[in-house]
Amino acid sequence: MSILGMAGAVARNFGGAWRHRRRIIYGTLVFCAFCIIYLMFYGSDTRLNESIVSSAFLLAGGVIGCYVFGAVWDDKNVVPLSADKTEAIQSVIGELVGGTAVVDDPDKP
């Protein structure tokens, strides 16, 4: 099975790759916020709590950075359609709009 086939299988199993990713991302950010806010109000001033808060901030920043980078990476690596599929899609769109799929070229005599 190719890499693209595996990615499609994973997306089908999770009901959409980005929907699943967003759940993980939001859950991680809520966990980080909870740790920070809890220790800010109820935690004592110890090195352990300081390390936990620093790690939570780093984790949240890393998750946000990867979320943005992952979206850019995913958009950039979209598999282009073959010429046959593109032509079929254009003809269907042309029929739905009520015209033809042929674009008039004003420079052509």
C-alpha atoms as a PDB file:
ATOM      1  CA  MET A   1       0.000   0.000   0.000  1.00  0.00           C
ATOM      2  CA  SER A   2       1.395   3.403  -0.915  1.00  0.00           C
ATOM      3  CA  ILE A   3       1.860   6.252   1.515  1.00  0.00           C
ATOM      4  CA  LEU A   4      -1.075   8.118  -0.047  1.00  0.00           C
ATOM      5  CA  GLY A   5      -3.258   5.027   0.278  1.00  0.00           C
ATOM      6  CA  MET A   6      -2.375   4.728   3.962  1.00  0.00           C
ATOM      7  CA  ALA A   7      -3.130   8.407   4.567  1.00  0.00           C
ATOM      8  CA  GLY A   8      -6.529   7.962   2.945  1.00  0.00           C
ATOM      9  CA  ALA A   9      -7.240   4.906   5.069  1.00  0.00           C
ATOM     10  CA  VAL A  10      -6.310   6.769   8.236  1.00  0.00           C
ATOM     11  CA  ALA A  11      -8.515   9.710   7.233  1.00  0.00           C
ATOM     12  CA  ARG A  12     -11.466   7.372   6.580  1.00  0.00           C
ATOM     13  CA  ASN A  13     -11.010   5.595   9.909  1.00  0.00           C
ATOM     14  CA  PHE A  14     -10.951   8.817  11.909  1.00  0.00           C
ATOM     15  CA  GLY A  15     -13.710  10.554   9.959  1.00  0.00           C
ATOM     16  CA  GLY A  16     -11.444  13.240   8.537  1.00  0.00           C
ATOM     17  CA  ALA A  17      -7.833  13.764   9.424  1.00  0.00           C
ATOM     18  CA  TRP A  18      -8.138  17.436  10.349  1.00  0.00           C
ATOM     19  CA  ARG A  19     -11.170  16.899  12.549  1.00  0.00           C
ATOM     20  CA  HIS A  20      -9.229  14.298  14.528  1.00  0.00           C
ATOM     21  CA  ARG A  21      -6.124  16.489  14.662  1.00  0.00           C
ATOM     22  CA  ARG A  22      -8.102  19.460  15.938  1.00  0.00           C
ATOM     23  CA  ARG A  23      -9.528  17.364  18.791  1.00  0.00           C
ATOM     24  CA  ILE A  24      -6.036  16.376  19.877  1.00  0.00           C
ATOM     25  CA  ILE A  25      -4.746  19.932  19.520  1.00  0.00           C
ATOM     26  CA  TYR A  26      -7.594  21.533  21.454  1.00  0.00           C
ATOM     27  CA  GLY A  27      -7.374  18.890  24.159  1.00  0.00           C
ATOM     28  CA  THR A  28      -3.645  19.486  24.549  1.00  0.00           C
ATOM     29  CA  LEU A  29      -4.097  23.260  24.720  1.00  0.00           C
ATOM     30  CA  VAL A  30      -6.873  22.922  27.325  1.00  0.00           C
ATOM     31  CA  PHE A  31      -4.631  20.627  29.381  1.00  0.00           C
ATOM     32  CA  CYS A  32      -1.758  23.152  29.198  1.00  0.00           C
ATOM     33  CA  ALA A  33      -4.057  26.023  30.165  1.00  0.00           C
ATOM     34  CA  PHE A  34      -5.460  24.014  33.080  1.00  0.00           C
ATOM     35  CA  CYS A  35      -1.959  23.223  34.390  1.00  0.00           C
ATOM     36  CA  ILE A  36      -0.838  26.826  34.122  1.00  0.00           C
ATOM     37  CA  ILE A  37      -3.954  28.349  35.686  1.00  0.00           C
ATOM     38  CA  TYR A  38      -4.159  25.779  38.484  1.00  0.00           C
ATOM     39  CA  LEU A  39      -0.521  26.228  39.472  1.00  0.00           C
ATOM     40  CA  MET A  40      -0.801  29.990  39.143  1.00  0.00           C
ATOM     41  CA  PHE A  41      -3.605  30.182  41.714  1.00  0.00           C
ATOM     42  CA  TYR A  42      -3.122  27.106  43.923  1.00  0.00           C
ATOM     43  CA  GLY A  43       0.468  25.980  43.420  1.00  0.00           C
ATOM     44  CA  SER A  44       3.287  26.750  45.775  1.00  0.00           C
ATOM     45  CA  ASP A  45       6.473  28.419  44.603  1.00  0.00           C
ATOM     46  CA  THR A  46       8.659  25.367  44.012  1.00  0.00           C
ATOM     47  CA  ARG A  47      11.094  24.389  41.287  1.00  0.00           C
ATOM     48  CA  LEU A  48       8.828  21.501  40.272  1.00  0.00           C
ATOM     49  CA  ASN A  49       5.832  23.774  39.671  1.00  0.00           C
ATOM     50  CA  GLU A  50       8.059  26.211  37.805  1.00  0.00           C
ATOM     51  CA  SER A  51       9.237  23.378  35.549  1.00  0.00           C
ATOM     52  CA  ILE A  52       5.663  22.198  34.969  1.00  0.00           C
ATOM     53  CA  VAL A  53       4.510  25.687  33.957  1.00  0.00           C
ATOM     54  CA  SER A  54       7.533  26.205  31.683  1.00  0.00           C
ATOM     55  CA  SER A  55       6.953  22.830  30.050  1.00  0.00           C
ATOM     56  CA  ALA A  56       3.247  23.558  29.586  1.00  0.00           C
ATOM     57  CA  PHE A  57       4.059  26.854  27.856  1.00  0.00           C
ATOM     58  CA  LEU A  58       6.608  25.136  25.613  1.00  0.00           C
ATOM     59  CA  LEU A  59       4.171  22.339  24.793  1.00  0.00           C
ATOM     60  CA  ALA A  60       1.401  24.816  23.940  1.00  0.00           C
ATOM     61  CA  GLY A  61       3.747  26.858  21.745  1.00  0.00           C
ATOM     62  CA  GLY A  62       4.978  23.722  20.003  1.00  0.00           C
ATOM     63  CA  VAL A  63       1.454  22.470  19.380  1.00  0.00           C
ATOM     64  CA  ILE A  64       0.376  25.815  17.903  1.00  0.00           C
ATOM     65  CA  GLY A  65       3.497  25.959  15.721  1.00  0.00           C
ATOM     66  CA  CYS A  66       2.981  22.401  14.472  1.00  0.00           C
ATOM     67  CA  TYR A  67      -0.720  23.074  13.848  1.00  0.00           C
ATOM     68  CA  VAL A  68       0.112  25.989  11.561  1.00  0.00           C
ATOM     69  CA  PHE A  69       3.016  24.155   9.915  1.00  0.00           C
ATOM     70  CA  GLY A  70       0.939  21.013   9.463  1.00  0.00           C
ATOM     71  CA  ALA A  71      -1.827  22.951   7.710  1.00  0.00           C
ATOM     72  CA  VAL A  72       0.669  24.545   5.338  1.00  0.00           C
ATOM     73  CA  TRP A  73       2.356  21.183   4.701  1.00  0.00           C
ATOM     74  CA  ASP A  74      -0.982  19.472   4.093  1.00  0.00           C
ATOM     75  CA  ASP A  75      -2.155  22.189   1.689  1.00  0.00           C
ATOM     76  CA  LYS A  76       1.130  22.116  -0.197  1.00  0.00           C
ATOM     77  CA  ASN A  77       1.168  18.344  -0.694  1.00  0.00           C
ATOM     78  CA  VAL A  78      -2.301  17.935  -2.152  1.00  0.00           C
ATOM     79  CA  VAL A  79      -2.162  15.312  -4.878  1.00  0.00           C
ATOM     80  CA  PRO A  80      -2.972  16.926  -8.231  1.00  0.00           C
ATOM     81  CA  LEU A  81      -5.750  15.361 -10.274  1.00  0.00           C
ATOM     82  CA  SER A  82      -4.955  13.561 -13.499  1.00  0.00           C
ATOM     83  CA  ALA A  83      -5.937  15.189 -16.793  1.00  0.00           C
ATOM     84  CA  ASP A  84      -8.868  12.769 -17.293  1.00  0.00           C
ATOM     85  CA  LYS A  85     -10.356  13.506 -13.879  1.00  0.00           C
ATOM     86  CA  THR A  86      -9.870  17.254 -14.312  1.00  0.00           C
ATOM     87  CA  GLU A  87     -11.632  17.177 -17.680  1.00  0.00           C
ATOM     88  CA  ALA A  88     -14.523  15.130 -16.264  1.00  0.00           C
ATOM     89  CA  ILE A  89     -14.961  17.520 -13.354  1.00  0.00           C
ATOM     90  CA  GLN A  90     -14.895  20.539 -15.658  1.00  0.00           C
ATOM     91  CA  SER A  91     -17.552  19.012 -17.929  1.00  0.00           C
ATOM     92  CA  VAL A  92     -19.824  18.279 -14.950  1.00  0.00           C
ATOM     93  CA  ILE A  93     -19.366  21.823 -13.646  1.00  0.00           C
ATOM     94  CA  GLY A  94     -20.095  23.185 -17.111  1.00  0.00           C
ATOM     95  CA  GLU A  95     -23.319  21.191 -17.300  1.00  0.00           C
ATOM     96  CA  LEU A  96     -24.403  22.335 -13.847  1.00  0.00           C
ATOM     97  CA  VAL A  97     -23.786  25.972 -14.675  1.00  0.00           C
ATOM     98  CA  GLY A  98     -25.623  25.629 -17.960  1.00  0.00           C
ATOM     99  CA  GLY A  99     -22.769  26.296 -20.348  1.00  0.00           C
ATOM    100  CA  THR A 100     -20.053  24.236 -21.873  1.00  0.00           C
ATOM    101  CA  ALA A 101     -16.738  23.342 -20.348  1.00  0.00           C
ATOM    102  CA  VAL A 102     -14.949  25.153 -23.182  1.00  0.00           C
ATOM    103  CA  VAL A 103     -13.494  28.541 -22.343  1.00  0.00           C
ATOM    104  CA  ASP A 104     -13.587  31.055 -25.181  1.00  0.00           C
ATOM    105  CA  ASP A 105     -10.210  32.514 -26.043  1.00  0.00           C
ATOM    106  CA  PRO A 106     -10.649  36.119 -27.244  1.00  0.00           C
ATOM    107  CA  ASP A 107      -7.203  36.100 -28.850  1.00  0.00           C
ATOM    108  CA  LYS A 108      -8.010  33.121 -31.031  1.00  0.00           C
ATOM    109  CA  PRO A 109      -9.352  34.035 -34.498  1.00  0.00           C
END
